[in-house]
């Protein structure tokens, strides 16, 4: 199948995040973007699933889930906010 070039402009921070994710999976930027586009199209049910036959992979997040604003760190008397944050994360 012939390939065509696709040019994409993104913010520097997004490029950095993509690059980190691709490196973590030992992929090139091209491979990572290609896989992300295929995954998005499959999620939409585009009907191209058979063409590429790529299985969707699940990557669980590392570590615990953040507690959010439900339990915000509160400084105790004589402690700094940084100490409260550290204590809350234990």
PDB file of N, CA and C in Angstrom:
ATOM      1  N   UNK A   1       0.843  -1.170   0.000  1.00  0.00           N
ATOM      2  CA  UNK A   1       0.000   0.000   0.000  1.00  0.00           C
ATOM      3  C   UNK A   1       0.894   1.240   0.000  1.00  0.00           C
ATOM      4  N   UNK A   2       0.577   2.200  -0.835  1.00  0.00           N
ATOM      5  CA  UNK A   2       1.350   3.432  -0.906  1.00  0.00           C
ATOM      6  C   UNK A   2       1.129   4.268   0.345  1.00  0.00           C
ATOM      7  N   UNK A   3       2.147   4.987   0.727  1.00  0.00           N
ATOM      8  CA  UNK A   3       2.043   5.858   1.894  1.00  0.00           C
ATOM      9  C   UNK A   3       2.051   7.305   1.447  1.00  0.00           C
ATOM     10  N   UNK A   4       1.409   8.142   2.221  1.00  0.00           N
ATOM     11  CA  UNK A   4       1.425   9.576   1.985  1.00  0.00           C
ATOM     12  C   UNK A   4       1.947  10.247   3.243  1.00  0.00           C
ATOM     13  N   UNK A   5       2.505  11.413   3.084  1.00  0.00           N
ATOM     14  CA  UNK A   5       3.064  12.137   4.209  1.00  0.00           C
ATOM     15  C   UNK A   5       1.989  13.006   4.855  1.00  0.00           C
ATOM     16  N   UNK A   6       1.969  12.998   6.160  1.00  0.00           N
ATOM     17  CA  UNK A   6       1.033  13.794   6.937  1.00  0.00           C
ATOM     18  C   UNK A   6       1.853  14.717   7.831  1.00  0.00           C
ATOM     19  N   UNK A   7       1.672  16.008   7.687  1.00  0.00           N
ATOM     20  CA  UNK A   7       2.395  16.977   8.505  1.00  0.00           C
ATOM     21  C   UNK A   7       1.479  17.455   9.611  1.00  0.00           C
ATOM     22  N   UNK A   8       2.031  17.533  10.806  1.00  0.00           N
ATOM     23  CA  UNK A   8       1.248  17.852  11.982  1.00  0.00           C
ATOM     24  C   UNK A   8       1.989  18.882  12.824  1.00  0.00           C
ATOM     25  N   UNK A   9       1.314  19.936  13.227  1.00  0.00           N
ATOM     26  CA  UNK A   9       1.907  20.932  14.119  1.00  0.00           C
ATOM     27  C   UNK A   9       1.297  20.778  15.502  1.00  0.00           C
ATOM     28  N   UNK A  10       2.151  20.666  16.511  1.00  0.00           N
ATOM     29  CA  UNK A  10       1.695  20.535  17.896  1.00  0.00           C
ATOM     30  C   UNK A  10       2.518  21.462  18.782  1.00  0.00           C
ATOM     31  N   UNK A  11       2.016  21.712  19.975  1.00  0.00           N
ATOM     32  CA  UNK A  11       2.733  22.527  20.941  1.00  0.00           C
ATOM     33  C   UNK A  11       3.960  21.752  21.419  1.00  0.00           C
ATOM     34  N   UNK A  12       5.020  22.466  21.815  1.00  0.00           N
ATOM     35  CA  UNK A  12       6.243  21.800  22.283  1.00  0.00           C
ATOM     36  C   UNK A  12       5.995  20.837  23.446  1.00  0.00           C
ATOM     37  N   UNK A  13       5.113  21.204  24.381  1.00  0.00           N
ATOM     38  CA  UNK A  13       4.833  20.332  25.520  1.00  0.00           C
ATOM     39  C   UNK A  13       4.182  19.027  25.081  1.00  0.00           C
ATOM     40  N   UNK A  14       3.266  19.094  24.119  1.00  0.00           N
ATOM     41  CA  UNK A  14       2.626  17.883  23.619  1.00  0.00           C
ATOM     42  C   UNK A  14       3.647  16.994  22.911  1.00  0.00           C
ATOM     43  N   UNK A  15       4.523  17.590  22.123  1.00  0.00           N
ATOM     44  CA  UNK A  15       5.574  16.819  21.443  1.00  0.00           C
ATOM     45  C   UNK A  15       6.464  16.117  22.463  1.00  0.00           C
ATOM     46  N   UNK A  16       6.812  16.832  23.539  1.00  0.00           N
ATOM     47  CA  UNK A  16       7.646  16.240  24.588  1.00  0.00           C
ATOM     48  C   UNK A  16       6.946  15.037  25.229  1.00  0.00           C
ATOM     49  N   UNK A  17       5.649  15.177  25.497  1.00  0.00           N
ATOM     50  CA  UNK A  17       4.897  14.076  26.109  1.00  0.00           C
ATOM     51  C   UNK A  17       4.798  12.877  25.175  1.00  0.00           C
ATOM     52  N   UNK A  18       4.567  13.144  23.888  1.00  0.00           N
ATOM     53  CA  UNK A  18       4.494  12.060  22.905  1.00  0.00           C
ATOM     54  C   UNK A  18       5.837  11.351  22.820  1.00  0.00           C
ATOM     55  N   UNK A  19       6.909  12.140  22.788  1.00  0.00           N
ATOM     56  CA  UNK A  19       8.244  11.573  22.682  1.00  0.00           C
ATOM     57  C   UNK A  19       8.564  10.686  23.891  1.00  0.00           C
ATOM     58  N   UNK A  20       8.199  11.144  25.088  1.00  0.00           N
ATOM     59  CA  UNK A  20       8.429  10.349  26.296  1.00  0.00           C
ATOM     60  C   UNK A  20       7.640   9.043  26.255  1.00  0.00           C
ATOM     61  N   UNK A  21       6.394   9.120  25.831  1.00  0.00           N
ATOM     62  CA  UNK A  21       5.560   7.925  25.754  1.00  0.00           C
ATOM     63  C   UNK A  21       6.086   6.949  24.711  1.00  0.00           C
ATOM     64  N   UNK A  22       6.491   7.471  23.563  1.00  0.00           N
ATOM     65  CA  UNK A  22       7.034   6.612  22.502  1.00  0.00           C
ATOM     66  C   UNK A  22       8.326   5.943  22.966  1.00  0.00           C
ATOM     67  N   UNK A  23       9.188   6.689  23.629  1.00  0.00           N
ATOM     68  CA  UNK A  23      10.447   6.145  24.120  1.00  0.00           C
ATOM     69  C   UNK A  23      10.191   5.054  25.156  1.00  0.00           C
ATOM     70  N   UNK A  24       9.209   5.274  26.023  1.00  0.00           N
ATOM     71  CA  UNK A  24       8.888   4.278  27.050  1.00  0.00           C
ATOM     72  C   UNK A  24       8.417   2.970  26.427  1.00  0.00           C
ATOM     73  N   UNK A  25       7.824   3.043  25.242  1.00  0.00           N
ATOM     74  CA  UNK A  25       7.343   1.835  24.554  1.00  0.00           C
ATOM     75  C   UNK A  25       8.300   1.379  23.468  1.00  0.00           C
ATOM     76  N   UNK A  26       9.483   1.989  23.423  1.00  0.00           N
ATOM     77  CA  UNK A  26      10.511   1.654  22.444  1.00  0.00           C
ATOM     78  C   UNK A  26       9.972   1.776  21.015  1.00  0.00           C
ATOM     79  N   UNK A  27       9.273   2.887  20.738  1.00  0.00           N
ATOM     80  CA  UNK A  27       8.705   3.161  19.426  1.00  0.00           C
ATOM     81  C   UNK A  27       9.249   4.490  18.912  1.00  0.00           C
ATOM     82  N   UNK A  28       9.206   4.670  17.609  1.00  0.00           N
ATOM     83  CA  UNK A  28       9.526   5.969  17.030  1.00  0.00           C
ATOM     84  C   UNK A  28       8.299   6.869  17.183  1.00  0.00           C
ATOM     85  N   UNK A  29       8.485   8.168  16.959  1.00  0.00           N
ATOM     86  CA  UNK A  29       7.343   9.079  16.991  1.00  0.00           C
ATOM     87  C   UNK A  29       6.321   8.673  15.935  1.00  0.00           C
ATOM     88  N   UNK A  30       6.797   8.302  14.751  1.00  0.00           N
ATOM     89  CA  UNK A  30       5.900   7.894  13.668  1.00  0.00           C
ATOM     90  C   UNK A  30       5.066   6.686  14.078  1.00  0.00           C
ATOM     91  N   UNK A  31       5.712   5.681  14.674  1.00  0.00           N
ATOM     92  CA  UNK A  31       4.988   4.483  15.107  1.00  0.00           C
ATOM     93  C   UNK A  31       3.951   4.815  16.187  1.00  0.00           C
ATOM     94  N   UNK A  32       4.352   5.666  17.136  1.00  0.00           N
ATOM     95  CA  UNK A  32       3.446   6.022  18.225  1.00  0.00           C
ATOM     96  C   UNK A  32       2.213   6.749  17.703  1.00  0.00           C
ATOM     97  N   UNK A  33       2.428   7.758  16.830  1.00  0.00           N
ATOM     98  CA  UNK A  33       1.315   8.529  16.283  1.00  0.00           C
ATOM     99  C   UNK A  33       0.426   7.630  15.420  1.00  0.00           C
ATOM    100  N   UNK A  34       1.038   6.764  14.629  1.00  0.00           N
ATOM    101  CA  UNK A  34       0.286   5.842  13.773  1.00  0.00           C
ATOM    102  C   UNK A  34      -0.635   4.959  14.618  1.00  0.00           C
ATOM    103  N   UNK A  35      -0.074   4.388  15.707  1.00  0.00           N
ATOM    104  CA  UNK A  35      -0.855   3.524  16.592  1.00  0.00           C
ATOM    105  C   UNK A  35      -1.968   4.306  17.278  1.00  0.00           C
ATOM    106  N   UNK A  36      -1.672   5.549  17.708  1.00  0.00           N
ATOM    107  CA  UNK A  36      -2.688   6.376  18.381  1.00  0.00           C
ATOM    108  C   UNK A  36      -3.841   6.704  17.433  1.00  0.00           C
ATOM    109  N   UNK A  37      -3.525   7.002  16.186  1.00  0.00           N
ATOM    110  CA  UNK A  37      -4.571   7.300  15.206  1.00  0.00           C
ATOM    111  C   UNK A  37      -5.422   6.064  14.949  1.00  0.00           C
ATOM    112  N   UNK A  38      -4.782   4.910  14.779  1.00  0.00           N
ATOM    113  CA  UNK A  38      -5.536   3.663  14.557  1.00  0.00           C
ATOM    114  C   UNK A  38      -6.449   3.362  15.741  1.00  0.00           C
ATOM    115  N   UNK A  39      -5.919   3.541  16.959  1.00  0.00           N
ATOM    116  CA  UNK A  39      -6.720   3.277  18.160  1.00  0.00           C
ATOM    117  C   UNK A  39      -7.933   4.201  18.199  1.00  0.00           C
ATOM    118  N   UNK A  40      -7.759   5.462  17.853  1.00  0.00           N
ATOM    119  CA  UNK A  40      -8.867   6.414  17.857  1.00  0.00           C
ATOM    120  C   UNK A  40      -9.911   6.038  16.805  1.00  0.00           C
ATOM    121  N   UNK A  41      -9.457   5.638  15.630  1.00  0.00           N
ATOM    122  CA  UNK A  41     -10.390   5.246  14.575  1.00  0.00           C
ATOM    123  C   UNK A  41     -11.160   3.983  14.954  1.00  0.00           C
ATOM    124  N   UNK A  42     -10.472   3.045  15.603  1.00  0.00           N
ATOM    125  CA  UNK A  42     -11.143   1.815  16.044  1.00  0.00           C
ATOM    126  C   UNK A  42     -12.189   2.133  17.105  1.00  0.00           C
ATOM    127  N   UNK A  43     -11.892   3.083  17.981  1.00  0.00           N
ATOM    128  CA  UNK A  43     -12.843   3.471  19.025  1.00  0.00           C
ATOM    129  C   UNK A  43     -14.101   4.073  18.415  1.00  0.00           C
ATOM    130  N   UNK A  44     -13.951   4.727  17.273  1.00  0.00           N
ATOM    131  CA  UNK A  44     -15.102   5.301  16.579  1.00  0.00           C
ATOM    132  C   UNK A  44     -15.860   4.261  15.774  1.00  0.00           C
ATOM    133  N   UNK A  45     -15.297   3.059  15.639  1.00  0.00           N
ATOM    134  CA  UNK A  45     -15.947   2.024  14.854  1.00  0.00           C
ATOM    135  C   UNK A  45     -15.918   2.341  13.374  1.00  0.00           C
ATOM    136  N   UNK A  46     -14.751   2.748  12.884  1.00  0.00           N
ATOM    137  CA  UNK A  46     -14.627   3.173  11.492  1.00  0.00           C
ATOM    138  C   UNK A  46     -14.719   2.032  10.496  1.00  0.00           C
ATOM    139  N   UNK A  47     -14.641   0.780  10.971  1.00  0.00           N
ATOM    140  CA  UNK A  47     -14.712  -0.350  10.058  1.00  0.00           C
ATOM    141  C   UNK A  47     -13.371  -0.742   9.480  1.00  0.00           C
ATOM    142  N   UNK A  48     -12.289  -0.067   9.860  1.00  0.00           N
ATOM    143  CA  UNK A  48     -10.961  -0.400   9.363  1.00  0.00           C
ATOM    144  C   UNK A  48     -10.248  -1.409  10.253  1.00  0.00           C
ATOM    145  N   UNK A  49     -10.942  -1.977  11.228  1.00  0.00           N
ATOM    146  CA  UNK A  49     -10.316  -2.901  12.163  1.00  0.00           C
ATOM    147  C   UNK A  49      -9.653  -4.075  11.450  1.00  0.00           C
ATOM    148  N   UNK A  50     -10.310  -4.652  10.459  1.00  0.00           N
ATOM    149  CA  UNK A  50      -9.783  -5.818   9.765  1.00  0.00           C
ATOM    150  C   UNK A  50      -8.551  -5.477   8.945  1.00  0.00           C
ATOM    151  N   UNK A  51      -8.492  -4.262   8.439  1.00  0.00           N
ATOM    152  CA  UNK A  51      -7.367  -3.863   7.603  1.00  0.00           C
ATOM    153  C   UNK A  51      -6.063  -3.906   8.372  1.00  0.00           C
ATOM    154  N   UNK A  52      -6.058  -3.435   9.611  1.00  0.00           N
ATOM    155  CA  UNK A  52      -4.829  -3.345  10.366  1.00  0.00           C
ATOM    156  C   UNK A  52      -4.684  -4.464  11.384  1.00  0.00           C
ATOM    157  N   UNK A  53      -5.775  -5.044  11.840  1.00  0.00           N
ATOM    158  CA  UNK A  53      -5.732  -6.185  12.745  1.00  0.00           C
ATOM    159  C   UNK A  53      -4.923  -5.958  14.011  1.00  0.00           C
ATOM    160  N   UNK A  54      -4.805  -4.758  14.455  1.00  0.00           N
ATOM    161  CA  UNK A  54      -4.025  -4.463  15.640  1.00  0.00           C
ATOM    162  C   UNK A  54      -4.904  -4.550  16.873  1.00  0.00           C
ATOM    163  N   UNK A  55      -4.459  -5.334  17.865  1.00  0.00           N
ATOM    164  CA  UNK A  55      -5.233  -5.448  19.089  1.00  0.00           C
ATOM    165  C   UNK A  55      -4.995  -4.230  19.966  1.00  0.00           C
ATOM    166  N   UNK A  56      -6.022  -3.831  20.671  1.00  0.00           N
ATOM    167  CA  UNK A  56      -5.886  -2.709  21.576  1.00  0.00           C
ATOM    168  C   UNK A  56      -5.247  -3.199  22.864  1.00  0.00           C
ATOM    169  N   UNK A  57      -4.230  -2.496  23.322  1.00  0.00           N
ATOM    170  CA  UNK A  57      -3.525  -2.888  24.533  1.00  0.00           C
ATOM    171  C   UNK A  57      -3.932  -1.990  25.687  1.00  0.00           C
ATOM    172  N   UNK A  58      -3.900  -2.544  26.871  1.00  0.00           N
ATOM    173  CA  UNK A  58      -4.240  -1.804  28.078  1.00  0.00           C
ATOM    174  C   UNK A  58      -2.976  -1.617  28.898  1.00  0.00           C
ATOM    175  N   UNK A  59      -2.660  -0.382  29.229  1.00  0.00           N
ATOM    176  CA  UNK A  59      -1.506  -0.066  30.050  1.00  0.00           C
ATOM    177  C   UNK A  59      -1.996   0.578  31.341  1.00  0.00           C
ATOM    178  N   UNK A  60      -2.030  -0.176  32.442  1.00  0.00           N
ATOM    179  CA  UNK A  60      -2.509   0.416  33.688  1.00  0.00           C
ATOM    180  C   UNK A  60      -1.545   1.483  34.185  1.00  0.00           C
ATOM    181  N   UNK A  61      -2.078   2.471  34.871  1.00  0.00           N
ATOM    182  CA  UNK A  61      -1.222   3.532  35.395  1.00  0.00           C
ATOM    183  C   UNK A  61      -0.403   2.996  36.554  1.00  0.00           C
ATOM    184  N   UNK A  62       0.738   3.618  36.746  1.00  0.00           N
ATOM    185  CA  UNK A  62       1.613   3.211  37.846  1.00  0.00           C
ATOM    186  C   UNK A  62       1.228   3.979  39.098  1.00  0.00           C
ATOM    187  N   UNK A  63       1.291   3.325  40.226  1.00  0.00           N
ATOM    188  CA  UNK A  63       1.016   3.992  41.493  1.00  0.00           C
ATOM    189  C   UNK A  63      -0.474   4.123  41.772  1.00  0.00           C
ATOM    190  N   UNK A  64      -0.779   4.678  42.906  1.00  0.00           N
ATOM    191  CA  UNK A  64      -2.166   4.859  43.313  1.00  0.00           C
ATOM    192  C   UNK A  64      -2.815   6.044  42.632  1.00  0.00           C
ATOM    193  N   UNK A  65      -4.096   6.064  42.708  1.00  0.00           N
ATOM    194  CA  UNK A  65      -4.841   7.172  42.110  1.00  0.00           C
ATOM    195  C   UNK A  65      -4.777   8.380  43.040  1.00  0.00           C
ATOM    196  N   UNK A  66      -4.688   9.586  42.470  1.00  0.00           N
ATOM    197  CA  UNK A  66      -4.674  10.773  43.327  1.00  0.00           C
ATOM    198  C   UNK A  66      -6.003  10.938  44.046  1.00  0.00           C
ATOM    199  N   UNK A  67      -5.954  11.471  45.227  1.00  0.00           N
ATOM    200  CA  UNK A  67      -7.171  11.640  46.022  1.00  0.00           C
ATOM    201  C   UNK A  67      -7.991  12.844  45.591  1.00  0.00           C
ATOM    202  N   UNK A  68      -7.376  13.755  44.861  1.00  0.00           N
ATOM    203  CA  UNK A  68      -8.116  14.925  44.397  1.00  0.00           C
ATOM    204  C   UNK A  68      -8.431  15.887  45.531  1.00  0.00           C
ATOM    205  N   UNK A  69      -9.442  16.695  45.332  1.00  0.00           N
ATOM    206  CA  UNK A  69      -9.773  17.720  46.320  1.00  0.00           C
ATOM    207  C   UNK A  69     -10.603  17.173  47.471  1.00  0.00           C
ATOM    208  N   UNK A  70     -10.889  15.887  47.441  1.00  0.00           N
ATOM    209  CA  UNK A  70     -11.675  15.281  48.510  1.00  0.00           C
ATOM    210  C   UNK A  70     -10.953  15.377  49.851  1.00  0.00           C
ATOM    211  N   UNK A  71      -9.627  15.224  49.830  1.00  0.00           N
ATOM    212  CA  UNK A  71      -8.807  15.294  51.040  1.00  0.00           C
ATOM    213  C   UNK A  71      -7.642  16.255  50.813  1.00  0.00           C
ATOM    214  N   UNK A  72      -7.911  17.554  50.708  1.00  0.00           N
ATOM    215  CA  UNK A  72      -6.807  18.484  50.455  1.00  0.00           C
ATOM    216  C   UNK A  72      -5.866  18.534  51.648  1.00  0.00           C
ATOM    217  N   UNK A  73      -4.569  18.739  51.379  1.00  0.00           N
ATOM    218  CA  UNK A  73      -3.633  18.827  52.506  1.00  0.00           C
ATOM    219  C   UNK A  73      -3.933  20.059  53.351  1.00  0.00           C
ATOM    220  N   UNK A  74      -3.918  19.861  54.661  1.00  0.00           N
ATOM    221  CA  UNK A  74      -4.188  20.971  55.581  1.00  0.00           C
ATOM    222  C   UNK A  74      -2.983  21.135  56.500  1.00  0.00           C
ATOM    223  N   UNK A  75      -2.440  22.324  56.557  1.00  0.00           N
ATOM    224  CA  UNK A  75      -1.289  22.532  57.442  1.00  0.00           C
ATOM    225  C   UNK A  75      -1.680  22.383  58.914  1.00  0.00           C
ATOM    226  N   UNK A  76      -0.863  21.685  59.655  1.00  0.00           N
ATOM    227  CA  UNK A  76      -1.072  21.568  61.101  1.00  0.00           C
ATOM    228  C   UNK A  76      -0.288  22.712  61.745  1.00  0.00           C
ATOM    229  N   UNK A  77      -0.620  23.025  62.942  1.00  0.00           N
ATOM    230  CA  UNK A  77       0.050  24.153  63.594  1.00  0.00           C
ATOM    231  C   UNK A  77       1.562  23.936  63.597  1.00  0.00           C
ATOM    232  N   UNK A  78       2.256  24.973  63.133  1.00  0.00           N
ATOM    233  CA  UNK A  78       3.710  24.915  63.110  1.00  0.00           C
ATOM    234  C   UNK A  78       4.290  24.222  61.889  1.00  0.00           C
ATOM    235  N   UNK A  79       3.471  23.753  60.970  1.00  0.00           N
ATOM    236  CA  UNK A  79       3.977  23.070  59.778  1.00  0.00           C
ATOM    237  C   UNK A  79       3.743  23.920  58.537  1.00  0.00           C
ATOM    238  N   UNK A  80       4.565  23.676  57.547  1.00  0.00           N
ATOM    239  CA  UNK A  80       4.392  24.387  56.280  1.00  0.00           C
ATOM    240  C   UNK A  80       3.429  23.607  55.391  1.00  0.00           C
ATOM    241  N   UNK A  81       2.957  24.226  54.336  1.00  0.00           N
ATOM    242  CA  UNK A  81       2.070  23.555  53.392  1.00  0.00           C
ATOM    243  C   UNK A  81       2.803  22.377  52.749  1.00  0.00           C
ATOM    244  N   UNK A  82       4.093  22.547  52.447  1.00  0.00           N
ATOM    245  CA  UNK A  82       4.878  21.463  51.842  1.00  0.00           C
ATOM    246  C   UNK A  82       4.893  20.238  52.753  1.00  0.00           C
ATOM    247  N   UNK A  83       5.053  20.444  54.070  1.00  0.00           N
ATOM    248  CA  UNK A  83       5.026  19.322  55.009  1.00  0.00           C
ATOM    249  C   UNK A  83       3.671  18.630  55.000  1.00  0.00           C
ATOM    250  N   UNK A  84       2.595  19.411  54.900  1.00  0.00           N
ATOM    251  CA  UNK A  84       1.254  18.837  54.863  1.00  0.00           C
ATOM    252  C   UNK A  84       1.061  18.000  53.603  1.00  0.00           C
ATOM    253  N   UNK A  85       1.601  18.465  52.479  1.00  0.00           N
ATOM    254  CA  UNK A  85       1.490  17.711  51.226  1.00  0.00           C
ATOM    255  C   UNK A  85       2.239  16.402  51.351  1.00  0.00           C
ATOM    256  N   UNK A  86       3.443  16.448  51.888  1.00  0.00           N
ATOM    257  CA  UNK A  86       4.245  15.222  52.068  1.00  0.00           C
ATOM    258  C   UNK A  86       3.513  14.260  52.994  1.00  0.00           C
ATOM    259  N   UNK A  87       2.971  14.751  54.090  1.00  0.00           N
ATOM    260  CA  UNK A  87       2.237  13.906  55.028  1.00  0.00           C
ATOM    261  C   UNK A  87       1.006  13.281  54.367  1.00  0.00           C
ATOM    262  N   UNK A  88       0.312  14.043  53.554  1.00  0.00           N
ATOM    263  CA  UNK A  88      -0.893  13.549  52.884  1.00  0.00           C
ATOM    264  C   UNK A  88      -0.568  12.436  51.900  1.00  0.00           C
ATOM    265  N   UNK A  89       0.612  12.453  51.312  1.00  0.00           N
ATOM    266  CA  UNK A  89       0.991  11.442  50.307  1.00  0.00           C
ATOM    267  C   UNK A  89       1.489  10.151  50.930  1.00  0.00           C
ATOM    268  N   UNK A  90       1.673  10.097  52.230  1.00  0.00           N
ATOM    269  CA  UNK A  90       2.154   8.868  52.884  1.00  0.00           C
ATOM    270  C   UNK A  90       1.051   7.870  53.057  1.00  0.00           C
TER     271      UNK A  90
END
